[in-house]
Amino acid sequence: MPTRGAKVVTDHFENSYGIISADRYAAYKTLLKTGLFLIAYCWAHVRRDFLDLAKGYEEFFDWAEIWVQRINFLYHINNQRIKASVDSKEYEKLQEKLQNEILKFHSQLEEELVQFQSEFPSARRKVLESLKNHWCGLTLFVQYPWVPMDNNPAERAGRNPVVGRKNYYGSGSVESSEVAQMSFSLIATIELWGLNIHFWLNSYLQVCAENQGKPPKDLNSFLPWKMTPEELKKY
């Protein structure tokens, strides 16, 4: 798409509803206005806020590290909860422990917001205010255990295109961006099927070359979900 504006998001999720795991990009927040979505904000981004503060302000290093450890502890309890059987007593204990830690976390947040209300510069207050403003979305994982605490899997999935975009300075036109989009989607699909992308591309391009530079009429032998077990083994 030519832009990353709110219309891109609303058009993409038209006639949909549910919980979206996302960062704090403002365009996603427009979905909240529809009443059809909840946004589970990413704890990894919150954690990064405190880490960046620790790097940028030496005097706040110890303070920021304490908050990072608090976040790490929430991850630890939630990871234990996810591994437990939902119907087990262990799960009930971990659920209660997580809820209690969330309450303590929020209490500490409110206490320090009051404490730093008149602080200048406002670096610490700014991080805490962002945490408070996104609190409802950040704590959805407590009520809905299938919702992840962060969107790291999605971020990792998009890392290769993002790094590539930085290296070749993006796409110079809508047409080139569409070609890039198709290429990324193609490569990701082949990788998800566990195939060797280099061998797959070489085989496909060889057939195109033998067909006078045109795609073959029958693509079934190159579509993983259409391949026979023997054909899959080749790749």
Protein backbone atom coordinates (compact mmCIF):
# COMPACT_ATOMS: atom_id res chain seq x y z
CA MET A 1 0.00 0.00 0.00
CA PRO A 2 1.20 3.57 -0.69
CA THR A 3 0.61 4.59 2.94
CA ARG A 4 0.44 3.09 6.44
CA GLY A 5 -2.58 5.16 7.43
CA ALA A 6 -5.68 4.12 9.35
CA LYS A 7 -7.64 3.41 6.15
CA VAL A 8 -5.25 0.60 5.24
CA VAL A 9 -5.97 -1.07 8.58
CA THR A 10 -9.74 -0.57 8.53
CA ASP A 11 -10.04 -1.75 4.91
CA HIS A 12 -7.95 -4.85 5.63
CA PHE A 13 -10.10 -5.83 8.63
CA GLU A 14 -13.42 -4.88 7.08
CA ASN A 15 -16.22 -7.27 8.12
CA SER A 16 -13.92 -8.82 10.74
CA TYR A 17 -13.79 -8.85 14.52
CA GLY A 18 -11.60 -10.26 17.29
CA ILE A 19 -8.44 -9.60 19.26
CA ILE A 20 -5.40 -8.18 17.46
CA SER A 21 -1.89 -8.57 18.86
CA ALA A 22 -0.03 -5.43 17.83
CA ASP A 23 2.37 -2.68 18.76
CA ARG A 24 1.19 0.81 19.70
CA TYR A 25 1.06 2.21 16.16
CA ALA A 26 -1.79 4.75 16.13
CA ALA A 27 -3.49 3.36 13.01
CA TYR A 28 -4.39 0.13 14.82
CA LYS A 29 -6.21 2.10 17.49
CA THR A 30 -8.85 3.18 14.96
CA LEU A 31 -10.18 -0.38 15.12
CA LEU A 32 -11.18 0.16 18.75
CA LYS A 33 -13.71 2.75 17.60
CA THR A 34 -15.63 0.10 15.66
CA GLY A 35 -16.40 -1.83 18.84
CA LEU A 36 -15.52 -5.06 17.03
CA PHE A 37 -11.91 -5.37 18.12
CA LEU A 38 -9.72 -5.52 21.17
CA ILE A 39 -6.02 -4.77 20.82
CA ALA A 40 -3.54 -6.77 22.87
CA TYR A 41 -0.55 -4.44 23.07
CA CYS A 42 2.97 -5.83 23.03
CA TRP A 43 4.87 -6.17 26.32
CA ALA A 44 8.16 -6.50 24.43
CA HIS A 45 7.74 -2.90 23.27
CA VAL A 46 7.04 -1.76 26.84
CA ARG A 47 10.12 -3.60 28.04
CA ARG A 48 12.12 -1.91 25.30
CA ASP A 49 10.93 1.49 26.57
CA PHE A 50 12.59 0.85 29.92
CA LEU A 51 15.74 -0.60 28.31
CA ASP A 52 16.08 2.46 26.07
CA LEU A 53 15.62 4.70 29.10
CA ALA A 54 18.36 2.82 30.95
CA LYS A 55 20.73 3.35 28.01
CA GLY A 56 19.87 7.02 27.53
CA TYR A 57 19.80 8.14 31.15
CA GLU A 58 22.55 6.79 33.37
CA GLU A 59 20.85 8.18 36.48
CA PHE A 60 17.72 6.13 35.72
CA PHE A 61 19.53 2.86 34.95
CA ASP A 62 18.80 1.08 38.24
CA TRP A 63 15.19 2.30 38.28
CA ALA A 64 14.56 1.09 34.71
CA GLU A 65 16.21 -2.27 35.44
CA ILE A 66 13.77 -2.87 38.30
CA TRP A 67 10.86 -2.37 35.92
CA VAL A 68 12.45 -4.70 33.37
CA GLN A 69 12.70 -7.38 36.05
CA ARG A 70 9.03 -6.86 36.96
CA ILE A 71 8.08 -7.41 33.32
CA ASN A 72 10.33 -10.47 33.11
CA PHE A 73 8.54 -11.92 36.12
CA LEU A 74 5.16 -11.49 34.43
CA TYR A 75 6.53 -13.36 31.40
CA HIS A 76 7.81 -16.11 33.69
CA ILE A 77 4.47 -16.65 35.43
CA ASN A 78 2.55 -16.53 32.16
CA ASN A 79 4.89 -19.05 30.53
CA GLN A 80 4.26 -21.42 33.44
CA ARG A 81 0.51 -20.85 33.16
CA ILE A 82 0.51 -21.63 29.43
CA LYS A 83 2.26 -24.95 30.03
CA ALA A 84 -0.25 -26.03 32.70
CA SER A 85 -3.46 -27.83 31.84
CA VAL A 86 -6.40 -25.40 31.91
CA ASP A 87 -8.45 -27.75 34.10
CA SER A 88 -5.67 -28.38 36.61
CA LYS A 89 -5.20 -26.95 40.11
CA GLU A 90 -1.76 -25.82 39.03
CA TYR A 91 -3.36 -23.62 36.38
CA GLU A 92 -5.74 -22.11 38.94
CA LYS A 93 -2.84 -21.28 41.26
CA LEU A 94 -0.81 -19.72 38.46
CA GLN A 95 -3.83 -17.75 37.24
CA GLU A 96 -4.34 -16.35 40.73
CA LYS A 97 -0.63 -15.61 41.08
CA LEU A 98 -0.61 -13.78 37.74
CA GLN A 99 -3.67 -11.72 38.66
CA ASN A 100 -2.07 -10.74 41.98
CA GLU A 101 1.18 -9.74 40.28
CA ILE A 102 -0.72 -7.65 37.74
CA LEU A 103 -2.49 -5.84 40.61
CA LYS A 104 0.86 -5.18 42.34
CA PHE A 105 2.36 -4.05 39.04
CA HIS A 106 -0.48 -1.60 38.43
CA SER A 107 -0.34 -0.31 42.02
CA GLN A 108 3.36 0.41 41.64
CA LEU A 109 2.69 2.16 38.35
CA GLU A 110 0.07 4.47 39.86
CA GLU A 111 2.26 5.18 42.88
CA GLU A 112 5.25 6.22 40.79
CA LEU A 113 3.15 8.31 38.42
CA VAL A 114 2.15 10.42 41.40
CA GLN A 115 5.73 10.44 42.69
CA PHE A 116 7.14 11.71 39.37
CA GLN A 117 4.25 14.05 38.56
CA SER A 118 6.38 17.18 38.80
CA GLU A 119 9.63 15.60 37.62
CA PHE A 120 11.64 17.35 34.93
CA PRO A 121 12.90 16.08 32.55
CA SER A 122 9.86 13.83 32.17
CA ALA A 123 11.62 10.78 30.68
CA ARG A 124 10.52 8.42 33.44
CA ARG A 125 7.01 9.85 33.59
CA LYS A 126 6.61 9.57 29.83
CA VAL A 127 7.36 5.83 29.89
CA LEU A 128 4.99 5.25 32.79
CA GLU A 129 2.21 7.30 31.17
CA SER A 130 2.47 5.24 28.00
CA LEU A 131 2.25 2.09 30.11
CA LYS A 132 -0.88 3.38 31.85
CA ASN A 133 -2.53 4.54 28.61
CA HIS A 134 -2.17 1.07 27.08
CA TRP A 135 -2.89 -0.87 30.27
CA CYS A 136 -6.23 -2.37 29.22
CA GLY A 137 -4.74 -3.85 26.06
CA LEU A 138 -1.57 -4.95 27.82
CA THR A 139 -3.51 -7.03 30.34
CA LEU A 140 -5.85 -8.85 27.94
CA PHE A 141 -3.57 -11.89 28.11
CA VAL A 142 -4.61 -12.39 31.74
CA GLN A 143 -8.26 -12.89 30.84
CA TYR A 144 -7.55 -14.59 27.50
CA PRO A 145 -4.62 -17.01 28.04
CA TRP A 146 -4.41 -17.84 24.33
CA VAL A 147 -3.47 -14.21 23.60
CA PRO A 148 0.35 -13.79 23.58
CA MET A 149 2.06 -11.16 25.71
CA ASP A 150 3.87 -9.78 22.67
CA ASN A 151 3.77 -9.79 18.89
CA ASN A 152 7.36 -10.98 18.48
CA PRO A 153 6.48 -13.86 16.08
CA ALA A 154 4.90 -11.35 13.66
CA GLU A 155 7.84 -8.97 14.06
CA ARG A 156 10.31 -11.77 13.30
CA ALA A 157 8.29 -12.87 10.27
CA GLY A 158 8.57 -9.38 8.80
CA ARG A 159 12.21 -8.84 9.70
CA ASN A 160 13.75 -9.99 6.39
CA PRO A 161 11.61 -7.66 4.22
CA VAL A 162 12.19 -4.78 6.65
CA VAL A 163 15.97 -5.25 6.69
CA GLY A 164 15.93 -5.59 2.91
CA ARG A 165 13.85 -2.43 2.54
CA LYS A 166 16.42 -0.49 4.55
CA ASN A 167 19.26 -1.82 2.39
CA TYR A 168 17.69 -1.01 -0.98
CA TYR A 169 15.87 2.13 0.24
CA GLY A 170 12.37 0.75 -0.28
CA SER A 171 10.47 0.49 -3.55
CA GLY A 172 10.54 3.34 -6.04
CA SER A 173 6.99 2.83 -7.30
CA VAL A 174 3.73 1.07 -6.49
CA GLU A 175 4.46 -1.53 -9.18
CA SER A 176 7.88 -2.40 -7.74
CA SER A 177 6.42 -2.62 -4.23
CA GLU A 178 3.77 -5.05 -5.50
CA VAL A 179 6.48 -7.22 -7.07
CA ALA A 180 8.41 -7.14 -3.78
CA GLN A 181 5.25 -8.05 -1.86
CA MET A 182 4.59 -11.05 -4.11
CA SER A 183 8.22 -12.17 -3.81
CA PHE A 184 8.19 -11.96 -0.01
CA SER A 185 4.90 -13.86 0.15
CA LEU A 186 6.20 -16.53 -2.23
CA ILE A 187 9.42 -17.06 -0.29
CA ALA A 188 7.60 -17.19 3.05
CA THR A 189 5.15 -19.78 1.70
CA ILE A 190 7.93 -22.04 0.41
CA GLU A 191 9.78 -21.75 3.73
CA LEU A 192 6.62 -22.60 5.70
CA TRP A 193 6.39 -25.83 3.73
CA GLY A 194 9.98 -26.63 4.70
CA LEU A 195 11.24 -26.57 1.12
CA ASN A 196 14.60 -25.31 -0.15
CA ILE A 197 13.77 -21.92 -1.66
CA HIS A 198 16.96 -21.81 -3.77
CA PHE A 199 16.27 -25.20 -5.32
CA TRP A 200 12.60 -24.33 -5.83
CA LEU A 201 13.38 -21.03 -7.57
CA ASN A 202 16.09 -22.60 -9.71
CA SER A 203 13.69 -25.34 -10.83
CA TYR A 204 10.88 -22.89 -11.57
CA LEU A 205 13.07 -20.43 -13.48
CA GLN A 206 14.61 -23.28 -15.47
CA VAL A 207 11.12 -24.34 -16.63
CA CYS A 208 10.33 -20.71 -17.52
CA ALA A 209 13.55 -20.49 -19.56
CA GLU A 210 12.67 -23.68 -21.43
CA ASN A 211 9.20 -22.24 -22.09
CA GLN A 212 10.63 -19.21 -23.97
CA GLY A 213 10.70 -17.05 -20.86
CA LYS A 214 7.06 -17.60 -19.96
CA PRO A 215 5.51 -19.25 -16.87
CA PRO A 216 4.38 -22.85 -17.41
CA LYS A 217 0.68 -23.33 -18.04
CA ASP A 218 0.43 -25.98 -15.31
CA LEU A 219 1.79 -24.72 -11.98
CA ASN A 220 0.68 -27.71 -9.90
CA SER A 221 4.16 -29.21 -9.78
CA PHE A 222 5.41 -26.01 -8.11
CA LEU A 223 2.59 -25.53 -5.59
CA PRO A 224 3.48 -27.36 -2.35
CA TRP A 225 -0.15 -28.17 -1.54
CA LYS A 226 -0.53 -29.71 -5.01
CA MET A 227 2.72 -31.70 -4.98
CA THR A 228 2.83 -35.42 -4.49
CA PRO A 229 4.88 -36.78 -1.56
CA GLU A 230 7.60 -37.75 -4.06
CA GLU A 231 7.71 -34.23 -5.50
CA LEU A 232 7.92 -32.70 -2.03
CA LYS A 233 10.93 -34.86 -1.22
CA LYS A 234 12.79 -33.40 -4.21
CA TYR A 235 12.83 -29.99 -2.54
